[in-house]
Amino acid sequence: MIRKIIHIDEEKCNGCGICAEACHEGAIDMIDGKAKLVRENFCDGFGDCLPACPTGAITFEEREAPEYDEAAVKINKMMKELHAGGGCPGASAAKLAAAPSTSRLAQWPCQIKLVPIQAPFFEGAELLIAADCTAFAYANLHEDFMKGKITIIGCPKLDDIDYTDKLTAIIRSNDIRSVTVVRMEVPCCGGLQRAAENALQASGKTIPYQVVTITRDGRVL
């Protein structure tokens, strides 16, 4: 869509970082000492960063850009507040090295509620969205489903949340190559499957998708 969005002149940028602080939506990052608009779908086009720039490096332009994603911005703000407020130290994102055990978990965190919307490990990822209980019901989950994938887990019943907005933001904001949902046969796991399917539709992307259902006695249906 054609809409108003900011433009940053890198030649004028002095790397002060004031604009990144002024951008409440989190659309701007400092990269190699320069301000860059890294999340176009986070820019609301209001330009809080314009008056903050001491060198006049930021202006408005009208061009093709993704639609402003208010839901993704809200989730991003929530995650920043969690970390800034001394939230769980285990929520810090990290890519994991290969372990000497048979674990195939490739990144941390893995909980849907804690995982960041954008992270290097999501780029080009085969994404596995797994229900919490599957790791206990299906003994070979690591080798059969997690190997070679980025794994995020959750339980819509225990978390009492619809994961659609978070999953939509992850799929929209990263180069996800495929999505696999591994769920239990129990009805409450339907919420996880619906959230993934709704997120794929809302993202506007066409991505290979499959659902695998595990029985309570550990079989694949």
N, C-alpha and C. Protein backbone atom coordinates (compact mmCIF):
# COMPACT_ATOMS: atom_id res chain seq x y z
N MET A 1 0.83 -1.19 0.00
CA MET A 1 0.00 0.00 0.00
C MET A 1 0.88 1.25 0.00
N ILE A 2 0.38 2.34 -0.57
CA ILE A 2 1.08 3.62 -0.57
C ILE A 2 0.67 4.39 0.68
N ARG A 3 1.63 4.76 1.49
CA ARG A 3 1.31 5.52 2.70
C ARG A 3 2.50 6.38 3.12
N LYS A 4 2.24 7.27 4.08
CA LYS A 4 3.29 8.15 4.60
C LYS A 4 4.14 7.38 5.59
N ILE A 5 5.46 7.50 5.41
CA ILE A 5 6.41 6.79 6.27
C ILE A 5 7.68 7.62 6.36
N ILE A 6 8.49 7.40 7.38
CA ILE A 6 9.69 8.22 7.52
C ILE A 6 10.80 7.74 6.57
N HIS A 7 11.69 8.67 6.26
CA HIS A 7 12.90 8.36 5.49
C HIS A 7 14.09 8.90 6.27
N ILE A 8 15.14 8.09 6.42
CA ILE A 8 16.34 8.51 7.16
C ILE A 8 17.49 8.67 6.18
N ASP A 9 18.04 9.88 6.13
CA ASP A 9 19.21 10.17 5.29
C ASP A 9 20.46 9.79 6.09
N GLU A 10 21.07 8.68 5.72
CA GLU A 10 22.21 8.18 6.50
C GLU A 10 23.41 9.12 6.44
N GLU A 11 23.53 9.90 5.37
CA GLU A 11 24.66 10.83 5.28
C GLU A 11 24.55 11.94 6.31
N LYS A 12 23.32 12.33 6.64
CA LYS A 12 23.10 13.38 7.63
C LYS A 12 23.09 12.82 9.06
N CYS A 13 22.86 11.52 9.20
CA CYS A 13 22.74 10.91 10.53
C CYS A 13 24.09 10.93 11.25
N ASN A 14 24.10 11.44 12.47
CA ASN A 14 25.35 11.49 13.25
C ASN A 14 25.44 10.36 14.28
N GLY A 15 24.46 9.47 14.27
CA GLY A 15 24.50 8.31 15.15
C GLY A 15 24.19 8.59 16.60
N CYS A 16 23.49 9.69 16.89
CA CYS A 16 23.22 10.04 18.29
C CYS A 16 22.22 9.09 18.96
N GLY A 17 21.34 8.49 18.16
CA GLY A 17 20.38 7.54 18.70
C GLY A 17 19.14 8.15 19.32
N ILE A 18 19.00 9.47 19.24
CA ILE A 18 17.85 10.13 19.87
C ILE A 18 16.55 9.69 19.19
N CYS A 19 16.58 9.52 17.88
CA CYS A 19 15.37 9.15 17.15
C CYS A 19 14.89 7.76 17.56
N ALA A 20 15.82 6.84 17.78
CA ALA A 20 15.45 5.48 18.19
C ALA A 20 14.76 5.51 19.56
N GLU A 21 15.25 6.39 20.43
CA GLU A 21 14.62 6.53 21.74
C GLU A 21 13.25 7.19 21.62
N ALA A 22 13.12 8.13 20.69
CA ALA A 22 11.86 8.87 20.53
C ALA A 22 10.78 8.04 19.85
N CYS A 23 11.18 7.02 19.10
CA CYS A 23 10.22 6.19 18.39
C CYS A 23 9.60 5.19 19.36
N HIS A 24 8.39 5.50 19.83
CA HIS A 24 7.75 4.66 20.83
C HIS A 24 7.33 3.31 20.26
N GLU A 25 7.22 3.23 18.94
CA GLU A 25 6.77 1.99 18.31
C GLU A 25 7.91 0.99 18.12
N GLY A 26 9.17 1.45 18.20
CA GLY A 26 10.31 0.56 18.02
C GLY A 26 10.64 0.27 16.57
N ALA A 27 10.32 1.22 15.67
CA ALA A 27 10.58 1.00 14.24
C ALA A 27 12.03 1.25 13.87
N ILE A 28 12.77 2.01 14.70
CA ILE A 28 14.14 2.41 14.37
C ILE A 28 15.15 1.71 15.26
N ASP A 29 16.22 1.21 14.66
CA ASP A 29 17.34 0.64 15.40
C ASP A 29 18.62 1.36 15.00
N MET A 30 19.62 1.29 15.87
CA MET A 30 20.94 1.82 15.54
C MET A 30 21.80 0.66 15.04
N ILE A 31 22.26 0.74 13.80
CA ILE A 31 23.05 -0.32 13.19
C ILE A 31 24.33 0.30 12.62
N ASP A 32 25.47 -0.20 13.05
CA ASP A 32 26.77 0.31 12.59
C ASP A 32 26.88 1.83 12.75
N GLY A 33 26.34 2.32 13.87
CA GLY A 33 26.46 3.74 14.18
C GLY A 33 25.51 4.65 13.42
N LYS A 34 24.51 4.08 12.74
CA LYS A 34 23.55 4.87 11.99
C LYS A 34 22.13 4.43 12.33
N ALA A 35 21.19 5.39 12.30
CA ALA A 35 19.79 5.07 12.53
C ALA A 35 19.20 4.46 11.26
N LYS A 36 18.45 3.36 11.43
CA LYS A 36 17.84 2.71 10.28
C LYS A 36 16.40 2.35 10.61
N LEU A 37 15.53 2.54 9.63
CA LEU A 37 14.14 2.10 9.76
C LEU A 37 14.11 0.61 9.45
N VAL A 38 14.08 -0.22 10.48
CA VAL A 38 14.22 -1.67 10.29
C VAL A 38 12.88 -2.40 10.32
N ARG A 39 11.85 -1.74 10.83
CA ARG A 39 10.53 -2.37 10.90
C ARG A 39 9.50 -1.39 10.32
N GLU A 40 9.33 -1.44 9.01
CA GLU A 40 8.42 -0.50 8.35
C GLU A 40 6.99 -0.65 8.86
N ASN A 41 6.61 -1.88 9.23
CA ASN A 41 5.24 -2.10 9.71
C ASN A 41 5.04 -1.58 11.13
N PHE A 42 6.12 -1.11 11.79
CA PHE A 42 6.01 -0.50 13.11
C PHE A 42 5.90 1.03 13.02
N CYS A 43 6.18 1.60 11.86
CA CYS A 43 6.16 3.06 11.70
C CYS A 43 4.73 3.52 11.45
N ASP A 44 4.20 4.35 12.38
CA ASP A 44 2.81 4.80 12.25
C ASP A 44 2.66 6.03 11.37
N GLY A 45 3.79 6.62 10.94
CA GLY A 45 3.73 7.78 10.05
C GLY A 45 3.45 9.09 10.74
N PHE A 46 3.44 9.10 12.10
CA PHE A 46 3.19 10.34 12.83
C PHE A 46 4.45 11.16 13.04
N GLY A 47 5.61 10.49 13.03
CA GLY A 47 6.88 11.20 13.04
C GLY A 47 7.31 11.80 14.36
N ASP A 48 7.12 11.07 15.47
CA ASP A 48 7.63 11.56 16.76
C ASP A 48 9.15 11.72 16.73
N CYS A 49 9.79 10.98 15.81
CA CYS A 49 11.24 11.02 15.72
C CYS A 49 11.76 12.26 14.98
N LEU A 50 10.91 12.91 14.18
CA LEU A 50 11.38 14.04 13.35
C LEU A 50 11.93 15.18 14.18
N PRO A 51 11.16 15.72 15.14
CA PRO A 51 11.69 16.86 15.91
C PRO A 51 12.84 16.47 16.82
N ALA A 52 13.00 15.16 17.08
CA ALA A 52 14.09 14.72 17.96
C ALA A 52 15.43 14.72 17.25
N CYS A 53 15.42 14.66 15.92
CA CYS A 53 16.67 14.54 15.17
C CYS A 53 17.39 15.89 15.10
N PRO A 54 18.61 15.99 15.64
CA PRO A 54 19.32 17.27 15.66
C PRO A 54 19.93 17.66 14.31
N THR A 55 20.04 16.73 13.37
CA THR A 55 20.68 17.03 12.09
C THR A 55 19.70 17.12 10.93
N GLY A 56 18.41 16.92 11.22
CA GLY A 56 17.41 16.97 10.15
C GLY A 56 17.51 15.81 9.17
N ALA A 57 17.98 14.68 9.67
CA ALA A 57 18.18 13.53 8.78
C ALA A 57 16.89 12.77 8.49
N ILE A 58 15.82 13.09 9.21
CA ILE A 58 14.56 12.34 9.06
C ILE A 58 13.49 13.22 8.42
N THR A 59 12.88 12.69 7.39
CA THR A 59 11.79 13.39 6.70
C THR A 59 10.67 12.39 6.43
N PHE A 60 9.54 12.90 5.96
CA PHE A 60 8.44 12.04 5.53
C PHE A 60 8.55 11.77 4.03
N GLU A 61 8.06 10.62 3.62
CA GLU A 61 7.90 10.34 2.19
C GLU A 61 6.66 9.47 2.01
N GLU A 62 6.09 9.54 0.82
CA GLU A 62 4.94 8.69 0.48
C GLU A 62 5.45 7.62 -0.47
N ARG A 63 5.30 6.36 -0.06
CA ARG A 63 5.80 5.26 -0.90
C ARG A 63 5.12 3.96 -0.52
N GLU A 64 5.43 2.92 -1.28
CA GLU A 64 4.93 1.59 -0.99
C GLU A 64 5.56 1.09 0.31
N ALA A 65 4.72 0.67 1.25
CA ALA A 65 5.21 0.19 2.53
C ALA A 65 4.16 -0.72 3.16
N PRO A 66 4.59 -1.65 4.02
CA PRO A 66 3.61 -2.50 4.71
C PRO A 66 2.68 -1.67 5.57
N GLU A 67 1.48 -2.15 5.76
CA GLU A 67 0.51 -1.48 6.61
C GLU A 67 1.01 -1.43 8.05
N TYR A 68 0.70 -0.35 8.74
CA TYR A 68 1.07 -0.23 10.15
C TYR A 68 0.42 -1.35 10.95
N ASP A 69 1.21 -2.10 11.70
CA ASP A 69 0.73 -3.28 12.43
C ASP A 69 0.66 -2.95 13.92
N GLU A 70 -0.49 -2.44 14.34
CA GLU A 70 -0.65 -1.99 15.72
C GLU A 70 -0.51 -3.15 16.70
N ALA A 71 -1.01 -4.33 16.32
CA ALA A 71 -0.94 -5.49 17.23
C ALA A 71 0.51 -5.88 17.50
N ALA A 72 1.32 -5.90 16.44
CA ALA A 72 2.73 -6.26 16.60
C ALA A 72 3.46 -5.23 17.45
N VAL A 73 3.12 -3.96 17.28
CA VAL A 73 3.75 -2.89 18.07
C VAL A 73 3.42 -3.06 19.56
N LYS A 74 2.17 -3.39 19.86
CA LYS A 74 1.76 -3.58 21.25
C LYS A 74 2.53 -4.73 21.89
N ILE A 75 2.68 -5.81 21.15
CA ILE A 75 3.41 -6.96 21.69
C ILE A 75 4.87 -6.61 21.90
N ASN A 76 5.45 -5.87 20.96
CA ASN A 76 6.85 -5.45 21.09
C ASN A 76 7.05 -4.57 22.32
N LYS A 77 6.11 -3.65 22.56
CA LYS A 77 6.20 -2.79 23.73
C LYS A 77 6.10 -3.62 25.01
N MET A 78 5.21 -4.61 24.99
CA MET A 78 5.03 -5.46 26.15
C MET A 78 6.31 -6.21 26.49
N MET A 79 6.98 -6.73 25.46
CA MET A 79 8.22 -7.46 25.68
C MET A 79 9.32 -6.55 26.20
N LYS A 80 9.40 -5.31 25.69
CA LYS A 80 10.40 -4.37 26.18
C LYS A 80 10.17 -4.02 27.64
N GLU A 81 8.89 -3.82 28.00
CA GLU A 81 8.57 -3.49 29.39
C GLU A 81 8.92 -4.65 30.31
N LEU A 82 8.68 -5.87 29.83
CA LEU A 82 9.01 -7.05 30.63
C LEU A 82 10.50 -7.10 30.94
N HIS A 83 11.32 -6.88 29.90
CA HIS A 83 12.76 -6.94 30.09
C HIS A 83 13.28 -5.76 30.89
N ALA A 84 12.75 -4.56 30.61
CA ALA A 84 13.20 -3.37 31.32
C ALA A 84 12.83 -3.42 32.79
N GLY A 85 11.72 -4.08 33.09
CA GLY A 85 11.26 -4.16 34.46
C GLY A 85 11.88 -5.29 35.25
N GLY A 86 12.93 -5.87 34.71
CA GLY A 86 13.59 -6.95 35.43
C GLY A 86 12.81 -8.24 35.34
N GLY A 87 12.17 -8.49 34.19
CA GLY A 87 11.41 -9.72 34.00
C GLY A 87 12.34 -10.92 34.05
N CYS A 88 11.76 -12.06 33.75
CA CYS A 88 12.49 -13.32 33.85
C CYS A 88 13.81 -13.26 33.09
N PRO A 89 14.96 -13.47 33.74
CA PRO A 89 16.25 -13.44 33.04
C PRO A 89 16.32 -14.47 31.93
N GLY A 90 15.55 -15.53 32.06
CA GLY A 90 15.55 -16.57 31.06
C GLY A 90 14.84 -16.18 29.78
N ALA A 91 14.29 -14.97 29.73
CA ALA A 91 13.59 -14.54 28.53
C ALA A 91 14.53 -13.91 27.51
N SER A 92 15.80 -13.74 27.84
CA SER A 92 16.74 -13.14 26.90
C SER A 92 16.95 -14.08 25.71
N ALA A 93 16.79 -13.51 24.49
CA ALA A 93 16.87 -14.34 23.29
C ALA A 93 18.30 -14.77 23.02
N ALA A 94 18.47 -16.01 22.59
CA ALA A 94 19.79 -16.50 22.26
C ALA A 94 19.67 -17.70 21.34
N LYS A 95 20.64 -17.81 20.41
CA LYS A 95 20.75 -19.00 19.58
C LYS A 95 21.60 -20.00 20.35
N LEU A 96 21.16 -21.26 20.38
CA LEU A 96 21.86 -22.26 21.17
C LEU A 96 22.82 -23.07 20.31
N ALA A 97 23.99 -23.35 20.86
CA ALA A 97 24.94 -24.22 20.18
C ALA A 97 24.48 -25.66 20.31
N ALA A 98 24.99 -26.49 19.42
CA ALA A 98 24.63 -27.90 19.47
C ALA A 98 25.08 -28.49 20.80
N ALA A 99 24.18 -29.18 21.48
CA ALA A 99 24.49 -29.75 22.78
C ALA A 99 25.01 -31.17 22.62
N PRO A 100 25.81 -31.63 23.59
CA PRO A 100 26.32 -33.00 23.50
C PRO A 100 25.23 -34.03 23.70
N SER A 101 24.08 -33.60 24.26
CA SER A 101 22.95 -34.51 24.43
C SER A 101 22.18 -34.60 23.11
N THR A 102 21.01 -35.20 23.18
CA THR A 102 20.20 -35.33 21.96
C THR A 102 19.18 -34.21 21.84
N SER A 103 19.31 -33.16 22.64
CA SER A 103 18.38 -32.04 22.54
C SER A 103 18.49 -31.38 21.18
N ARG A 104 17.35 -31.08 20.57
CA ARG A 104 17.32 -30.39 19.28
C ARG A 104 16.76 -28.98 19.40
N LEU A 105 16.66 -28.48 20.62
CA LEU A 105 16.21 -27.11 20.80
C LEU A 105 17.28 -26.16 20.29
N ALA A 106 16.92 -25.31 19.33
CA ALA A 106 17.91 -24.49 18.62
C ALA A 106 17.98 -23.05 19.11
N GLN A 107 17.09 -22.65 20.01
CA GLN A 107 17.08 -21.24 20.44
C GLN A 107 16.44 -21.13 21.81
N TRP A 108 16.63 -19.96 22.41
CA TRP A 108 16.00 -19.63 23.69
C TRP A 108 15.58 -18.18 23.67
N PRO A 109 14.40 -17.82 24.22
CA PRO A 109 13.41 -18.68 24.87
C PRO A 109 12.59 -19.47 23.85
N CYS A 110 11.77 -20.39 24.37
CA CYS A 110 10.94 -21.17 23.46
C CYS A 110 9.45 -21.00 23.74
N GLN A 111 9.09 -20.41 24.86
CA GLN A 111 7.68 -20.16 25.14
C GLN A 111 7.14 -19.07 24.21
N ILE A 112 5.97 -19.28 23.64
CA ILE A 112 5.38 -18.29 22.73
C ILE A 112 5.24 -16.95 23.43
N LYS A 113 4.86 -16.95 24.69
CA LYS A 113 4.67 -15.69 25.42
C LYS A 113 5.97 -14.92 25.61
N LEU A 114 7.11 -15.62 25.64
CA LEU A 114 8.38 -14.97 25.93
C LEU A 114 9.26 -14.72 24.71
N VAL A 115 9.06 -15.48 23.66
CA VAL A 115 9.95 -15.36 22.50
C VAL A 115 9.77 -13.98 21.85
N PRO A 116 10.85 -13.33 21.41
CA PRO A 116 10.72 -12.02 20.76
C PRO A 116 10.07 -12.15 19.40
N ILE A 117 9.49 -11.07 18.91
CA ILE A 117 8.84 -11.08 17.60
C ILE A 117 9.87 -11.22 16.50
N GLN A 118 10.98 -10.51 16.64
CA GLN A 118 12.05 -10.59 15.65
C GLN A 118 13.33 -11.05 16.32
N ALA A 119 14.00 -12.02 15.71
CA ALA A 119 15.28 -12.51 16.21
C ALA A 119 16.01 -13.16 15.05
N PRO A 120 17.34 -13.13 15.08
CA PRO A 120 18.10 -13.74 13.97
C PRO A 120 17.75 -15.20 13.72
N PHE A 121 17.40 -15.93 14.79
CA PHE A 121 17.12 -17.35 14.58
C PHE A 121 15.82 -17.60 13.80
N PHE A 122 14.98 -16.58 13.66
CA PHE A 122 13.75 -16.75 12.88
C PHE A 122 13.98 -16.62 11.37
N GLU A 123 15.09 -16.01 10.97
CA GLU A 123 15.31 -15.77 9.55
C GLU A 123 15.59 -17.07 8.80
N GLY A 124 14.74 -17.37 7.82
CA GLY A 124 14.88 -18.59 7.05
C GLY A 124 14.50 -19.84 7.82
N ALA A 125 13.73 -19.67 8.90
CA ALA A 125 13.46 -20.79 9.80
C ALA A 125 12.31 -21.67 9.32
N GLU A 126 12.47 -22.96 9.61
CA GLU A 126 11.35 -23.90 9.58
C GLU A 126 10.77 -23.83 11.00
N LEU A 127 9.55 -23.30 11.13
CA LEU A 127 9.00 -23.01 12.45
C LEU A 127 8.12 -24.16 12.95
N LEU A 128 8.42 -24.64 14.15
CA LEU A 128 7.60 -25.66 14.81
C LEU A 128 6.85 -25.01 15.96
N ILE A 129 5.52 -25.09 15.91
CA ILE A 129 4.68 -24.59 16.99
C ILE A 129 4.10 -25.81 17.69
N ALA A 130 4.57 -26.07 18.91
CA ALA A 130 4.21 -27.31 19.59
C ALA A 130 3.45 -27.04 20.88
N ALA A 131 2.46 -27.88 21.14
CA ALA A 131 1.76 -27.83 22.42
C ALA A 131 2.70 -28.35 23.52
N ASP A 132 2.61 -27.75 24.69
CA ASP A 132 3.49 -28.12 25.80
C ASP A 132 3.53 -29.63 26.03
N CYS A 133 2.37 -30.26 26.03
CA CYS A 133 2.28 -31.67 26.42
C CYS A 133 2.91 -32.63 25.42
N THR A 134 3.14 -32.19 24.19
CA THR A 134 3.63 -33.11 23.18
C THR A 134 5.01 -33.67 23.52
N ALA A 135 5.83 -32.86 24.18
CA ALA A 135 7.18 -33.32 24.53
C ALA A 135 7.15 -34.46 25.54
N PHE A 136 6.07 -34.55 26.31
CA PHE A 136 5.95 -35.61 27.31
C PHE A 136 5.21 -36.82 26.77
N ALA A 137 4.27 -36.58 25.87
CA ALA A 137 3.48 -37.69 25.32
C ALA A 137 4.22 -38.42 24.20
N TYR A 138 5.05 -37.68 23.45
CA TYR A 138 5.72 -38.29 22.30
C TYR A 138 7.23 -38.29 22.53
N ALA A 139 7.78 -39.47 22.76
CA ALA A 139 9.18 -39.58 23.20
C ALA A 139 10.18 -39.08 22.17
N ASN A 140 9.88 -39.20 20.89
CA ASN A 140 10.83 -38.83 19.84
C ASN A 140 10.57 -37.45 19.25
N LEU A 141 9.97 -36.55 20.03
CA LEU A 141 9.65 -35.22 19.50
C LEU A 141 10.89 -34.50 18.98
N HIS A 142 12.01 -34.59 19.71
CA HIS A 142 13.23 -33.88 19.31
C HIS A 142 13.72 -34.33 17.94
N GLU A 143 13.85 -35.63 17.75
CA GLU A 143 14.40 -36.14 16.49
C GLU A 143 13.40 -36.07 15.34
N ASP A 144 12.14 -36.36 15.63
CA ASP A 144 11.15 -36.47 14.55
C ASP A 144 10.59 -35.12 14.12
N PHE A 145 10.56 -34.15 15.05
CA PHE A 145 9.90 -32.88 14.71
C PHE A 145 10.75 -31.64 14.97
N MET A 146 11.56 -31.62 16.04
CA MET A 146 12.32 -30.42 16.38
C MET A 146 13.62 -30.28 15.60
N LYS A 147 14.19 -31.36 15.17
CA LYS A 147 15.49 -31.33 14.47
C LYS A 147 15.43 -30.43 13.24
N GLY A 148 16.32 -29.44 13.20
CA GLY A 148 16.39 -28.53 12.06
C GLY A 148 15.36 -27.43 12.08
N LYS A 149 14.59 -27.34 13.16
CA LYS A 149 13.54 -26.32 13.23
C LYS A 149 13.76 -25.38 14.42
N ILE A 150 13.10 -24.24 14.35
CA ILE A 150 13.01 -23.34 15.49
C ILE A 150 11.70 -23.69 16.19
N THR A 151 11.78 -24.01 17.48
CA THR A 151 10.63 -24.53 18.21
C THR A 151 10.09 -23.50 19.18
N ILE A 152 8.78 -23.23 19.09
CA ILE A 152 8.12 -22.41 20.10
C ILE A 152 6.93 -23.20 20.63
N ILE A 153 6.71 -23.10 21.94
CA ILE A 153 5.71 -23.94 22.58
C ILE A 153 4.72 -23.10 23.38
N GLY A 154 3.55 -23.69 23.61
CA GLY A 154 2.55 -22.99 24.40
C GLY A 154 1.35 -23.87 24.67
N CYS A 155 0.50 -23.40 25.58
CA CYS A 155 -0.76 -24.06 25.88
C CYS A 155 -1.82 -22.99 26.04
N PRO A 156 -2.74 -22.85 25.08
CA PRO A 156 -3.74 -21.79 25.17
C PRO A 156 -4.65 -21.92 26.37
N LYS A 157 -4.80 -23.14 26.88
CA LYS A 157 -5.65 -23.32 28.06
C LYS A 157 -4.97 -22.81 29.33
N LEU A 158 -3.70 -23.19 29.52
CA LEU A 158 -2.98 -22.76 30.72
C LEU A 158 -2.62 -21.28 30.67
N ASP A 159 -2.21 -20.80 29.49
CA ASP A 159 -1.87 -19.38 29.36
C ASP A 159 -3.10 -18.51 29.31
N ASP A 160 -4.25 -19.11 28.98
CA ASP A 160 -5.52 -18.39 28.86
C ASP A 160 -5.37 -17.19 27.92
N ILE A 161 -4.83 -17.47 26.72
CA ILE A 161 -4.56 -16.40 25.76
C ILE A 161 -4.73 -16.93 24.34
N ASP A 162 -5.10 -16.02 23.44
CA ASP A 162 -5.13 -16.33 22.02
C ASP A 162 -3.79 -15.91 21.44
N TYR A 163 -3.04 -16.87 20.91
CA TYR A 163 -1.70 -16.59 20.41
C TYR A 163 -1.69 -15.95 19.02
N THR A 164 -2.86 -15.71 18.44
CA THR A 164 -2.92 -15.28 17.04
C THR A 164 -2.08 -14.04 16.76
N ASP A 165 -2.23 -13.00 17.58
CA ASP A 165 -1.52 -11.74 17.32
C ASP A 165 -0.01 -11.94 17.37
N LYS A 166 0.47 -12.68 18.37
CA LYS A 166 1.91 -12.89 18.51
C LYS A 166 2.45 -13.69 17.33
N LEU A 167 1.76 -14.76 16.96
CA LEU A 167 2.21 -15.59 15.86
C LEU A 167 2.15 -14.83 14.53
N THR A 168 1.11 -14.01 14.36
CA THR A 168 1.01 -13.18 13.15
C THR A 168 2.21 -12.26 13.02
N ALA A 169 2.56 -11.62 14.14
CA ALA A 169 3.70 -10.69 14.13
C ALA A 169 5.00 -11.41 13.80
N ILE A 170 5.18 -12.62 14.35
CA ILE A 170 6.40 -13.38 14.07
C ILE A 170 6.49 -13.76 12.60
N ILE A 171 5.38 -14.23 12.04
CA ILE A 171 5.39 -14.67 10.64
C ILE A 171 5.54 -13.48 9.70
N ARG A 172 4.90 -12.37 10.01
CA ARG A 172 4.99 -11.18 9.16
C ARG A 172 6.40 -10.59 9.17
N SER A 173 7.03 -10.61 10.33
CA SER A 173 8.27 -9.85 10.52
C SER A 173 9.53 -10.64 10.20
N ASN A 174 9.39 -11.90 9.86
CA ASN A 174 10.56 -12.74 9.61
C ASN A 174 10.37 -13.60 8.36
N ASP A 175 11.48 -14.11 7.86
CA ASP A 175 11.45 -14.98 6.67
C ASP A 175 11.23 -16.42 7.12
N ILE A 176 9.98 -16.73 7.49
CA ILE A 176 9.62 -18.08 7.92
C ILE A 176 9.36 -18.93 6.67
N ARG A 177 10.04 -20.07 6.57
CA ARG A 177 9.95 -20.90 5.37
C ARG A 177 8.82 -21.93 5.43
N SER A 178 8.50 -22.39 6.63
CA SER A 178 7.41 -23.36 6.78
C SER A 178 6.92 -23.33 8.22
N VAL A 179 5.69 -23.80 8.41
CA VAL A 179 5.11 -23.87 9.75
C VAL A 179 4.55 -25.27 9.97
N THR A 180 4.96 -25.89 11.07
CA THR A 180 4.43 -27.19 11.48
C THR A 180 3.83 -27.03 12.87
N VAL A 181 2.60 -27.46 13.04
CA VAL A 181 1.97 -27.47 14.36
C VAL A 181 1.92 -28.91 14.84
N VAL A 182 2.45 -29.15 16.04
CA VAL A 182 2.33 -30.46 16.68
C VAL A 182 1.45 -30.26 17.92
N ARG A 183 0.31 -30.90 17.93
CA ARG A 183 -0.67 -30.72 18.99
C ARG A 183 -1.10 -32.07 19.54
N MET A 184 -1.75 -32.03 20.69
CA MET A 184 -2.35 -33.23 21.26
C MET A 184 -3.75 -33.42 20.68
N GLU A 185 -4.31 -34.63 20.87
CA GLU A 185 -5.65 -34.91 20.36
C GLU A 185 -6.74 -34.25 21.18
N VAL A 186 -6.40 -33.73 22.36
CA VAL A 186 -7.39 -33.14 23.26
C VAL A 186 -7.94 -31.84 22.67
N PRO A 187 -9.22 -31.51 22.96
CA PRO A 187 -9.87 -30.34 22.35
C PRO A 187 -9.17 -29.01 22.61
N CYS A 188 -8.60 -28.83 23.81
CA CYS A 188 -8.00 -27.52 24.11
C CYS A 188 -6.83 -27.19 23.19
N CYS A 189 -6.20 -28.22 22.60
CA CYS A 189 -5.10 -27.97 21.67
C CYS A 189 -5.60 -27.36 20.36
N GLY A 190 -6.91 -27.43 20.14
CA GLY A 190 -7.46 -26.81 18.94
C GLY A 190 -7.20 -25.31 18.91
N GLY A 191 -7.08 -24.70 20.09
CA GLY A 191 -6.80 -23.27 20.14
C GLY A 191 -5.44 -22.93 19.57
N LEU A 192 -4.47 -23.82 19.77
CA LEU A 192 -3.13 -23.61 19.23
C LEU A 192 -3.16 -23.73 17.71
N GLN A 193 -3.84 -24.73 17.20
CA GLN A 193 -3.95 -24.92 15.76
C GLN A 193 -4.68 -23.75 15.10
N ARG A 194 -5.79 -23.31 15.70
CA ARG A 194 -6.54 -22.17 15.13
C ARG A 194 -5.70 -20.91 15.12
N ALA A 195 -4.94 -20.69 16.20
CA ALA A 195 -4.10 -19.48 16.27
C ALA A 195 -3.07 -19.49 15.15
N ALA A 196 -2.46 -20.64 14.90
CA ALA A 196 -1.46 -20.74 13.83
C ALA A 196 -2.10 -20.51 12.46
N GLU A 197 -3.25 -21.10 12.23
CA GLU A 197 -3.93 -20.95 10.94
C GLU A 197 -4.41 -19.52 10.73
N ASN A 198 -4.95 -18.91 11.79
CA ASN A 198 -5.37 -17.51 11.69
C ASN A 198 -4.19 -16.59 11.45
N ALA A 199 -3.05 -16.90 12.09
CA ALA A 199 -1.85 -16.07 11.92
C ALA A 199 -1.32 -16.16 10.50
N LEU A 200 -1.31 -17.35 9.94
CA LEU A 200 -0.86 -17.51 8.55
C LEU A 200 -1.75 -16.72 7.61
N GLN A 201 -3.06 -16.77 7.83
CA GLN A 201 -3.98 -16.02 6.97
C GLN A 201 -3.79 -14.52 7.13
N ALA A 202 -3.65 -14.08 8.38
CA ALA A 202 -3.50 -12.64 8.64
C ALA A 202 -2.18 -12.10 8.15
N SER A 203 -1.16 -12.95 8.08
CA SER A 203 0.17 -12.49 7.64
C SER A 203 0.20 -12.14 6.16
N GLY A 204 -0.74 -12.71 5.39
CA GLY A 204 -0.75 -12.46 3.95
C GLY A 204 0.29 -13.24 3.19
N LYS A 205 0.97 -14.16 3.86
CA LYS A 205 2.02 -14.95 3.21
C LYS A 205 1.51 -16.36 2.88
N THR A 206 2.05 -16.93 1.82
CA THR A 206 1.76 -18.31 1.47
C THR A 206 2.95 -19.16 1.88
N ILE A 207 2.78 -19.94 2.94
CA ILE A 207 3.87 -20.70 3.53
C ILE A 207 3.43 -22.15 3.69
N PRO A 208 4.27 -23.11 3.35
CA PRO A 208 3.93 -24.52 3.58
C PRO A 208 3.55 -24.75 5.05
N TYR A 209 2.46 -25.51 5.25
CA TYR A 209 1.89 -25.66 6.59
C TYR A 209 1.38 -27.08 6.79
N GLN A 210 1.64 -27.63 7.96
CA GLN A 210 1.08 -28.94 8.27
C GLN A 210 0.77 -29.04 9.76
N VAL A 211 -0.18 -29.95 10.08
CA VAL A 211 -0.56 -30.20 11.46
C VAL A 211 -0.35 -31.68 11.76
N VAL A 212 0.31 -31.96 12.88
CA VAL A 212 0.51 -33.33 13.34
C VAL A 212 -0.17 -33.46 14.70
N THR A 213 -0.99 -34.50 14.85
CA THR A 213 -1.71 -34.71 16.10
C THR A 213 -1.18 -35.95 16.82
N ILE A 214 -0.89 -35.76 18.11
CA ILE A 214 -0.35 -36.83 18.96
C ILE A 214 -1.46 -37.32 19.90
N THR A 215 -1.58 -38.63 20.03
CA THR A 215 -2.56 -39.19 20.96
C THR A 215 -2.00 -39.18 22.37
N ARG A 216 -2.89 -39.38 23.35
CA ARG A 216 -2.45 -39.34 24.73
C ARG A 216 -1.53 -40.50 25.10
N ASP A 217 -1.58 -41.56 24.31
CA ASP A 217 -0.66 -42.67 24.56
C ASP A 217 0.57 -42.64 23.65
N GLY A 218 0.82 -41.46 23.04
CA GLY A 218 2.09 -41.26 22.35
C GLY A 218 2.16 -41.71 20.91
N ARG A 219 1.04 -41.83 20.23
CA ARG A 219 1.04 -42.21 18.82
C ARG A 219 0.75 -40.99 17.95
N VAL A 220 1.21 -41.05 16.69
CA VAL A 220 0.89 -40.01 15.71
C VAL A 220 -0.36 -40.43 14.97
N LEU A 221 -1.37 -39.60 14.99
CA LEU A 221 -2.61 -39.91 14.27
C LEU A 221 -2.40 -39.75 12.76
